[in-house]
Each structure stands twice: as C-alpha cells, then as structure tokens.
Amino acid sequence: MTDNAKNAIAPALTCQFATIIPTLRYRDAAAAVEWLGQAFGFEKHLVVPGSDGTITHAQLVFGNGMIMVGTAHKDEFGRCSSRQVR
C-alpha cells in the first residue's frame, strides 16, 4: 500500500463518531426515549414527532455513540421483529 493510500484511509480509522448506528423500534417510542435517557444517560440530539403523538425519528447520543429510535409501524420500515419483547 502506498503512503498516499494509507493517508487516505487514516482519517476514517480515527473517526470520533460512531460508524455503526443501530435503529430501535418501540410501540411507545416517546416513553422509550425518556427511559433511555433516565436509565442510561442518552441525550436527545434530534426528535421528530409524528402527527399522531408518535416519534417519527429520534437520534439519541451517548459519548461518541448514537442510536436511532422510532415508533413501530406495520410497514416495511417500522416493523418489529417476530421476537419482540412484550
């Protein structure tokens, strides 16, 4: 590998932000956002409320990590796993 190639890769390896950001779906995402903050110390970075009191999209941060949270829906983007916690 050339020095130029190594220099091009180096910034990606020293990234200060999460490179994998998991998405979690909850039936009551608003309550989950509050609980994640109280229980684990996540802070709200962005919360996009839905028109029906749901959370369309939320970004929660903890240190240099981030998770995305939203309300579960019966569409291809909001489906819960068949092994969901009840």
PDB file of N, CA and C in Angstrom:
ATOM      1  N   MET A   1       0.854  -1.172   0.000  1.00  0.00           N
ATOM      2  CA  MET A   1       0.000   0.000   0.000  1.00  0.00           C
ATOM      3  C   MET A   1       0.901   1.236   0.000  1.00  0.00           C
ATOM      4  N   THR A   2       0.576   2.199  -0.815  1.00  0.00           N
ATOM      5  CA  THR A   2       1.376   3.419  -0.904  1.00  0.00           C
ATOM      6  C   THR A   2       1.086   4.326   0.288  1.00  0.00           C
ATOM      7  N   ASP A   3       1.992   5.264   0.532  1.00  0.00           N
ATOM      8  CA  ASP A   3       1.776   6.231   1.620  1.00  0.00           C
ATOM      9  C   ASP A   3       0.534   7.067   1.379  1.00  0.00           C
ATOM     10  N   ASN A   4       0.258   7.407   0.118  1.00  0.00           N
ATOM     11  CA  ASN A   4      -0.946   8.185  -0.199  1.00  0.00           C
ATOM     12  C   ASN A   4      -2.201   7.408   0.158  1.00  0.00           C
ATOM     13  N   ALA A   5      -2.220   6.117  -0.126  1.00  0.00           N
ATOM     14  CA  ALA A   5      -3.383   5.286   0.201  1.00  0.00           C
ATOM     15  C   ALA A   5      -3.555   5.195   1.715  1.00  0.00           C
ATOM     16  N   LYS A   6      -2.433   5.017   2.438  1.00  0.00           N
ATOM     17  CA  LYS A   6      -2.512   4.955   3.905  1.00  0.00           C
ATOM     18  C   LYS A   6      -3.040   6.267   4.479  1.00  0.00           C
ATOM     19  N   ASN A   7      -2.591   7.395   3.936  1.00  0.00           N
ATOM     20  CA  ASN A   7      -3.051   8.694   4.407  1.00  0.00           C
ATOM     21  C   ASN A   7      -4.526   8.909   4.119  1.00  0.00           C
ATOM     22  N   ALA A   8      -5.030   8.361   3.033  1.00  0.00           N
ATOM     23  CA  ALA A   8      -6.451   8.492   2.694  1.00  0.00           C
ATOM     24  C   ALA A   8      -7.311   7.676   3.640  1.00  0.00           C
ATOM     25  N   ILE A   9      -6.817   6.550   4.111  1.00  0.00           N
ATOM     26  CA  ILE A   9      -7.580   5.669   4.999  1.00  0.00           C
ATOM     27  C   ILE A   9      -7.512   6.148   6.444  1.00  0.00           C
ATOM     28  N   ALA A  10      -6.419   6.748   6.859  1.00  0.00           N
ATOM     29  CA  ALA A  10      -6.194   7.128   8.251  1.00  0.00           C
ATOM     30  C   ALA A  10      -7.330   7.949   8.864  1.00  0.00           C
ATOM     31  N   PRO A  11      -7.887   8.974   8.183  1.00  0.00           N
ATOM     32  CA  PRO A  11      -8.971   9.736   8.817  1.00  0.00           C
ATOM     33  C   PRO A  11     -10.186   8.874   9.144  1.00  0.00           C
ATOM     34  N   ALA A  12     -10.487   7.911   8.317  1.00  0.00           N
ATOM     35  CA  ALA A  12     -11.637   7.045   8.590  1.00  0.00           C
ATOM     36  C   ALA A  12     -11.395   6.192   9.824  1.00  0.00           C
ATOM     37  N   LEU A  13     -10.169   5.795  10.052  1.00  0.00           N
ATOM     38  CA  LEU A  13      -9.847   4.954  11.195  1.00  0.00           C
ATOM     39  C   LEU A  13      -9.802   5.731  12.494  1.00  0.00           C
ATOM     40  N   THR A  14      -9.676   7.038  12.426  1.00  0.00           N
ATOM     41  CA  THR A  14      -9.605   7.859  13.630  1.00  0.00           C
ATOM     42  C   THR A  14     -10.874   8.682  13.832  1.00  0.00           C
ATOM     43  N   CYS A  15     -11.951   8.271  13.216  1.00  0.00           N
ATOM     44  CA  CYS A  15     -13.227   8.977  13.318  1.00  0.00           C
ATOM     45  C   CYS A  15     -13.662   9.067  14.783  1.00  0.00           C
ATOM     46  N   GLN A  16     -14.138  10.232  15.188  1.00  0.00           N
ATOM     47  CA  GLN A  16     -14.555  10.435  16.563  1.00  0.00           C
ATOM     48  C   GLN A  16     -16.028  10.117  16.783  1.00  0.00           C
ATOM     49  N   PHE A  17     -16.721   9.733  15.743  1.00  0.00           N
ATOM     50  CA  PHE A  17     -18.147   9.444  15.855  1.00  0.00           C
ATOM     51  C   PHE A  17     -18.411   7.980  15.546  1.00  0.00           C
ATOM     52  N   ALA A  18     -19.541   7.499  15.980  1.00  0.00           N
ATOM     53  CA  ALA A  18     -19.911   6.112  15.747  1.00  0.00           C
ATOM     54  C   ALA A  18     -19.976   5.813  14.255  1.00  0.00           C
ATOM     55  N   THR A  19     -19.491   4.656  13.876  1.00  0.00           N
ATOM     56  CA  THR A  19     -19.563   4.266  12.477  1.00  0.00           C
ATOM     57  C   THR A  19     -20.705   3.294  12.228  1.00  0.00           C
ATOM     58  N   ILE A  20     -21.251   2.734  13.281  1.00  0.00           N
ATOM     59  CA  ILE A  20     -22.441   1.879  13.185  1.00  0.00           C
ATOM     60  C   ILE A  20     -23.479   2.478  14.124  1.00  0.00           C
ATOM     61  N   ILE A  21     -24.660   2.770  13.583  1.00  0.00           N
ATOM     62  CA  ILE A  21     -25.709   3.400  14.388  1.00  0.00           C
ATOM     63  C   ILE A  21     -26.950   2.509  14.340  1.00  0.00           C
ATOM     64  N   PRO A  22     -27.234   1.783  15.424  1.00  0.00           N
ATOM     65  CA  PRO A  22     -28.397   0.894  15.428  1.00  0.00           C
ATOM     66  C   PRO A  22     -29.712   1.675  15.500  1.00  0.00           C
ATOM     67  N   THR A  23     -30.745   1.062  14.950  1.00  0.00           N
ATOM     68  CA  THR A  23     -32.095   1.628  14.986  1.00  0.00           C
ATOM     69  C   THR A  23     -32.979   0.716  15.817  1.00  0.00           C
ATOM     70  N   LEU A  24     -33.718   1.298  16.741  1.00  0.00           N
ATOM     71  CA  LEU A  24     -34.616   0.551  17.613  1.00  0.00           C
ATOM     72  C   LEU A  24     -36.032   1.047  17.401  1.00  0.00           C
ATOM     73  N   ARG A  25     -36.976   0.117  17.350  1.00  0.00           N
ATOM     74  CA  ARG A  25     -38.399   0.457  17.199  1.00  0.00           C
ATOM     75  C   ARG A  25     -39.144   0.049  18.457  1.00  0.00           C
ATOM     76  N   TYR A  26     -39.991   0.935  18.920  1.00  0.00           N
ATOM     77  CA  TYR A  26     -40.794   0.689  20.121  1.00  0.00           C
ATOM     78  C   TYR A  26     -42.254   1.006  19.836  1.00  0.00           C
ATOM     79  N   ARG A  27     -43.143   0.313  20.519  1.00  0.00           N
ATOM     80  CA  ARG A  27     -44.564   0.653  20.406  1.00  0.00           C
ATOM     81  C   ARG A  27     -44.807   2.054  20.948  1.00  0.00           C
ATOM     82  N   ASP A  28     -44.134   2.404  22.038  1.00  0.00           N
ATOM     83  CA  ASP A  28     -44.248   3.736  22.632  1.00  0.00           C
ATOM     84  C   ASP A  28     -42.845   4.362  22.627  1.00  0.00           C
ATOM     85  N   ALA A  29     -42.447   4.881  21.479  1.00  0.00           N
ATOM     86  CA  ALA A  29     -41.094   5.420  21.323  1.00  0.00           C
ATOM     87  C   ALA A  29     -40.857   6.642  22.203  1.00  0.00           C
ATOM     88  N   ALA A  30     -41.885   7.446  22.426  1.00  0.00           N
ATOM     89  CA  ALA A  30     -41.720   8.624  23.284  1.00  0.00           C
ATOM     90  C   ALA A  30     -41.326   8.205  24.695  1.00  0.00           C
ATOM     91  N   ALA A  31     -41.975   7.192  25.221  1.00  0.00           N
ATOM     92  CA  ALA A  31     -41.626   6.680  26.551  1.00  0.00           C
ATOM     93  C   ALA A  31     -40.237   6.047  26.536  1.00  0.00           C
ATOM     94  N   ALA A  32     -39.903   5.368  25.453  1.00  0.00           N
ATOM     95  CA  ALA A  32     -38.584   4.735  25.340  1.00  0.00           C
ATOM     96  C   ALA A  32     -37.471   5.779  25.321  1.00  0.00           C
ATOM     97  N   VAL A  33     -37.684   6.875  24.611  1.00  0.00           N
ATOM     98  CA  VAL A  33     -36.688   7.950  24.555  1.00  0.00           C
ATOM     99  C   VAL A  33     -36.435   8.492  25.971  1.00  0.00           C
ATOM    100  N   GLU A  34     -37.493   8.718  26.716  1.00  0.00           N
ATOM    101  CA  GLU A  34     -37.350   9.217  28.085  1.00  0.00           C
ATOM    102  C   GLU A  34     -36.646   8.196  28.971  1.00  0.00           C
ATOM    103  N   TRP A  35     -37.056   6.937  28.852  1.00  0.00           N
ATOM    104  CA  TRP A  35     -36.464   5.869  29.664  1.00  0.00           C
ATOM    105  C   TRP A  35     -34.981   5.688  29.352  1.00  0.00           C
ATOM    106  N   LEU A  36     -34.613   5.693  28.070  1.00  0.00           N
ATOM    107  CA  LEU A  36     -33.208   5.537  27.686  1.00  0.00           C
ATOM    108  C   LEU A  36     -32.358   6.674  28.251  1.00  0.00           C
ATOM    109  N   GLY A  37     -32.933   7.865  28.316  1.00  0.00           N
ATOM    110  CA  GLY A  37     -32.224   8.990  28.906  1.00  0.00           C
ATOM    111  C   GLY A  37     -32.046   8.825  30.407  1.00  0.00           C
ATOM    112  N   GLN A  38     -33.108   8.458  31.085  1.00  0.00           N
ATOM    113  CA  GLN A  38     -33.045   8.322  32.544  1.00  0.00           C
ATOM    114  C   GLN A  38     -32.226   7.118  32.981  1.00  0.00           C
ATOM    115  N   ALA A  39     -32.404   6.005  32.303  1.00  0.00           N
ATOM    116  CA  ALA A  39     -31.751   4.766  32.720  1.00  0.00           C
ATOM    117  C   ALA A  39     -30.283   4.692  32.322  1.00  0.00           C
ATOM    118  N   PHE A  40     -29.942   5.216  31.147  1.00  0.00           N
ATOM    119  CA  PHE A  40     -28.588   5.028  30.624  1.00  0.00           C
ATOM    120  C   PHE A  40     -27.835   6.323  30.324  1.00  0.00           C
ATOM    121  N   GLY A  41     -28.516   7.446  30.404  1.00  0.00           N
ATOM    122  CA  GLY A  41     -27.845   8.716  30.181  1.00  0.00           C
ATOM    123  C   GLY A  41     -27.807   9.188  28.735  1.00  0.00           C
ATOM    124  N   PHE A  42     -28.608   8.584  27.853  1.00  0.00           N
ATOM    125  CA  PHE A  42     -28.674   9.072  26.476  1.00  0.00           C
ATOM    126  C   PHE A  42     -29.246  10.488  26.463  1.00  0.00           C
ATOM    127  N   GLU A  43     -28.740  11.300  25.558  1.00  0.00           N
ATOM    128  CA  GLU A  43     -29.237  12.661  25.397  1.00  0.00           C
ATOM    129  C   GLU A  43     -29.905  12.799  24.038  1.00  0.00           C
ATOM    130  N   LYS A  44     -30.955  13.595  23.992  1.00  0.00           N
ATOM    131  CA  LYS A  44     -31.670  13.825  22.737  1.00  0.00           C
ATOM    132  C   LYS A  44     -30.833  14.722  21.833  1.00  0.00           C
ATOM    133  N   HIS A  45     -30.529  14.230  20.656  1.00  0.00           N
ATOM    134  CA  HIS A  45     -29.821  15.018  19.646  1.00  0.00           C
ATOM    135  C   HIS A  45     -30.844  15.599  18.670  1.00  0.00           C
ATOM    136  N   LEU A  46     -31.821  14.766  18.297  1.00  0.00           N
ATOM    137  CA  LEU A  46     -32.880  15.175  17.374  1.00  0.00           C
ATOM    138  C   LEU A  46     -34.105  14.323  17.655  1.00  0.00           C
ATOM    139  N   VAL A  47     -35.257  14.948  17.759  1.00  0.00           N
ATOM    140  CA  VAL A  47     -36.526  14.217  17.913  1.00  0.00           C
ATOM    141  C   VAL A  47     -37.520  14.813  16.934  1.00  0.00           C
ATOM    142  N   VAL A  48     -38.058  13.960  16.057  1.00  0.00           N
ATOM    143  CA  VAL A  48     -39.054  14.383  15.071  1.00  0.00           C
ATOM    144  C   VAL A  48     -40.384  13.732  15.454  1.00  0.00           C
ATOM    145  N   PRO A  49     -41.298  14.507  16.045  1.00  0.00           N
ATOM    146  CA  PRO A  49     -42.584  13.939  16.442  1.00  0.00           C
ATOM    147  C   PRO A  49     -43.482  13.694  15.237  1.00  0.00           C
ATOM    148  N   GLY A  50     -44.284  12.637  15.339  1.00  0.00           N
ATOM    149  CA  GLY A  50     -45.283  12.364  14.316  1.00  0.00           C
ATOM    150  C   GLY A  50     -46.548  13.139  14.613  1.00  0.00           C
ATOM    151  N   SER A  51     -47.438  13.215  13.652  1.00  0.00           N
ATOM    152  CA  SER A  51     -48.675  13.981  13.824  1.00  0.00           C
ATOM    153  C   SER A  51     -49.642  13.329  14.806  1.00  0.00           C
ATOM    154  N   ASP A  52     -49.445  12.048  15.069  1.00  0.00           N
ATOM    155  CA  ASP A  52     -50.368  11.316  15.944  1.00  0.00           C
ATOM    156  C   ASP A  52     -49.774  11.017  17.322  1.00  0.00           C
ATOM    157  N   GLY A  53     -48.801  11.813  17.754  1.00  0.00           N
ATOM    158  CA  GLY A  53     -48.202  11.613  19.064  1.00  0.00           C
ATOM    159  C   GLY A  53     -47.085  10.583  19.093  1.00  0.00           C
ATOM    160  N   THR A  54     -46.738  10.028  17.944  1.00  0.00           N
ATOM    161  CA  THR A  54     -45.653   9.057  17.866  1.00  0.00           C
ATOM    162  C   THR A  54     -44.327   9.786  17.648  1.00  0.00           C
ATOM    163  N   ILE A  55     -43.259   9.030  17.607  1.00  0.00           N
ATOM    164  CA  ILE A  55     -41.943   9.560  17.266  1.00  0.00           C
ATOM    165  C   ILE A  55     -41.599   9.025  15.882  1.00  0.00           C
ATOM    166  N   THR A  56     -41.532   9.911  14.900  1.00  0.00           N
ATOM    167  CA  THR A  56     -41.163   9.506  13.546  1.00  0.00           C
ATOM    168  C   THR A  56     -39.708   9.093  13.503  1.00  0.00           C
ATOM    169  N   HIS A  57     -38.863   9.879  14.160  1.00  0.00           N
ATOM    170  CA  HIS A  57     -37.424   9.591  14.168  1.00  0.00           C
ATOM    171  C   HIS A  57     -36.795  10.325  15.333  1.00  0.00           C
ATOM    172  N   ALA A  58     -35.900   9.648  16.038  1.00  0.00           N
ATOM    173  CA  ALA A  58     -35.141  10.294  17.107  1.00  0.00           C
ATOM    174  C   ALA A  58     -33.699   9.822  17.046  1.00  0.00           C
ATOM    175  N   GLN A  59     -32.799  10.724  17.333  1.00  0.00           N
ATOM    176  CA  GLN A  59     -31.381  10.396  17.436  1.00  0.00           C
ATOM    177  C   GLN A  59     -30.959  10.696  18.863  1.00  0.00           C
ATOM    178  N   LEU A  60     -30.465   9.675  19.541  1.00  0.00           N
ATOM    179  CA  LEU A  60     -30.001   9.816  20.916  1.00  0.00           C
ATOM    180  C   LEU A  60     -28.508   9.565  20.955  1.00  0.00           C
ATOM    181  N   VAL A  61     -27.790  10.379  21.697  1.00  0.00           N
ATOM    182  CA  VAL A  61     -26.341  10.240  21.757  1.00  0.00           C
ATOM    183  C   VAL A  61     -25.888   9.904  23.169  1.00  0.00           C
ATOM    184  N   PHE A  62     -24.780   9.181  23.209  1.00  0.00           N
ATOM    185  CA  PHE A  62     -24.120   8.836  24.464  1.00  0.00           C
ATOM    186  C   PHE A  62     -22.633   8.797  24.153  1.00  0.00           C
ATOM    187  N   GLY A  63     -21.893   9.745  24.696  1.00  0.00           N
ATOM    188  CA  GLY A  63     -20.477   9.839  24.331  1.00  0.00           C
ATOM    189  C   GLY A  63     -20.371  10.091  22.838  1.00  0.00           C
ATOM    190  N   ASN A  64     -19.551   9.302  22.155  1.00  0.00           N
ATOM    191  CA  ASN A  64     -19.439   9.454  20.703  1.00  0.00           C
ATOM    192  C   ASN A  64     -20.330   8.464  19.954  1.00  0.00           C
ATOM    193  N   GLY A  65     -21.214   7.791  20.672  1.00  0.00           N
ATOM    194  CA  GLY A  65     -22.136   6.840  20.047  1.00  0.00           C
ATOM    195  C   GLY A  65     -23.506   7.429  19.833  1.00  0.00           C
ATOM    196  N   MET A  66     -24.276   6.785  18.985  1.00  0.00           N
ATOM    197  CA  MET A  66     -25.625   7.245  18.689  1.00  0.00           C
ATOM    198  C   MET A  66     -26.525   6.037  18.417  1.00  0.00           C
ATOM    199  N   ILE A  67     -27.777   6.152  18.817  1.00  0.00           N
ATOM    200  CA  ILE A  67     -28.802   5.202  18.407  1.00  0.00           C
ATOM    201  C   ILE A  67     -29.945   5.996  17.799  1.00  0.00           C
ATOM    202  N   MET A  68     -30.689   5.345  16.926  1.00  0.00           N
ATOM    203  CA  MET A  68     -31.888   5.956  16.356  1.00  0.00           C
ATOM    204  C   MET A  68     -33.087   5.200  16.900  1.00  0.00           C
ATOM    205  N   VAL A  69     -34.133   5.933  17.210  1.00  0.00           N
ATOM    206  CA  VAL A  69     -35.328   5.365  17.822  1.00  0.00           C
ATOM    207  C   VAL A  69     -36.547   5.861  17.057  1.00  0.00           C
ATOM    208  N   GLY A  70     -37.526   4.989  16.895  1.00  0.00           N
ATOM    209  CA  GLY A  70     -38.769   5.390  16.260  1.00  0.00           C
ATOM    210  C   GLY A  70     -39.909   4.509  16.711  1.00  0.00           C
ATOM    211  N   THR A  71     -41.110   4.950  16.414  1.00  0.00           N
ATOM    212  CA  THR A  71     -42.302   4.187  16.739  1.00  0.00           C
ATOM    213  C   THR A  71     -42.476   3.056  15.736  1.00  0.00           C
ATOM    214  N   ALA A  72     -42.789   1.879  16.248  1.00  0.00           N
ATOM    215  CA  ALA A  72     -43.033   0.715  15.387  1.00  0.00           C
ATOM    216  C   ALA A  72     -44.326   0.916  14.607  1.00  0.00           C
ATOM    217  N   HIS A  73     -44.286   0.562  13.334  1.00  0.00           N
ATOM    218  CA  HIS A  73     -45.451   0.636  12.465  1.00  0.00           C
ATOM    219  C   HIS A  73     -45.571  -0.660  11.679  1.00  0.00           C
ATOM    220  N   LYS A  74     -46.690  -0.862  11.065  1.00  0.00           N
ATOM    221  CA  LYS A  74     -46.887  -2.072  10.263  1.00  0.00           C
ATOM    222  C   LYS A  74     -46.536  -1.815   8.803  1.00  0.00           C
ATOM    223  N   ASP A  75     -45.375  -1.219   8.569  1.00  0.00           N
ATOM    224  CA  ASP A  75     -44.891  -1.045   7.204  1.00  0.00           C
ATOM    225  C   ASP A  75     -43.467  -1.597   7.142  1.00  0.00           C
ATOM    226  N   GLU A  76     -42.867  -1.562   5.983  1.00  0.00           N
ATOM    227  CA  GLU A  76     -41.555  -2.180   5.833  1.00  0.00           C
ATOM    228  C   GLU A  76     -40.460  -1.496   6.652  1.00  0.00           C
ATOM    229  N   PHE A  77     -40.642  -0.239   7.026  1.00  0.00           N
ATOM    230  CA  PHE A  77     -39.610   0.466   7.777  1.00  0.00           C
ATOM    231  C   PHE A  77     -39.845   0.451   9.279  1.00  0.00           C
ATOM    232  N   GLY A  78     -41.032   0.127   9.719  1.00  0.00           N
ATOM    233  CA  GLY A  78     -41.328   0.198  11.139  1.00  0.00           C
ATOM    234  C   GLY A  78     -41.690  -1.106  11.778  1.00  0.00           C
ATOM    235  N   ARG A  79     -41.552  -2.190  11.027  1.00  0.00           N
ATOM    236  CA  ARG A  79     -41.924  -3.498  11.554  1.00  0.00           C
ATOM    237  C   ARG A  79     -41.046  -3.906  12.722  1.00  0.00           C
ATOM    238  N   CYS A  80     -41.664  -4.520  13.718  1.00  0.00           N
ATOM    239  CA  CYS A  80     -40.920  -5.100  14.820  1.00  0.00           C
ATOM    240  C   CYS A  80     -40.566  -6.540  14.467  1.00  0.00           C
ATOM    241  N   SER A  81     -39.570  -7.040  15.108  1.00  0.00           N
ATOM    242  CA  SER A  81     -39.178  -8.439  14.924  1.00  0.00           C
ATOM    243  C   SER A  81     -40.303  -9.340  15.427  1.00  0.00           C
ATOM    244  N   SER A  82     -40.346 -10.556  14.907  1.00  0.00           N
ATOM    245  CA  SER A  82     -41.328 -11.509  15.412  1.00  0.00           C
ATOM    246  C   SER A  82     -40.962 -11.956  16.816  1.00  0.00           C
ATOM    247  N   ARG A  83     -39.750 -11.651  17.257  1.00  0.00           N
ATOM    248  CA  ARG A  83     -39.294 -11.994  18.595  1.00  0.00           C
ATOM    249  C   ARG A  83     -39.270 -10.772  19.493  1.00  0.00           C
ATOM    250  N   GLN A  84     -40.229  -9.912  19.342  1.00  0.00           N
ATOM    251  CA  GLN A  84     -40.264  -8.685  20.119  1.00  0.00           C
ATOM    252  C   GLN A  84     -40.606  -8.945  21.583  1.00  0.00           C
ATOM    253  N   VAL A  85     -40.117  -8.081  22.423  1.00  0.00           N
ATOM    254  CA  VAL A  85     -40.411  -8.160  23.850  1.00  0.00           C
ATOM    255  C   VAL A  85     -41.799  -7.618  24.082  1.00  0.00           C
ATOM    256  N   ARG A  86     -42.568  -8.299  24.863  1.00  0.00           N
ATOM    257  CA  ARG A  86     -43.952  -7.865  25.122  1.00  0.00           C
ATOM    258  C   ARG A  86     -44.096  -7.315  26.512  1.00  0.00           C
TER     259      ARG A  86
END
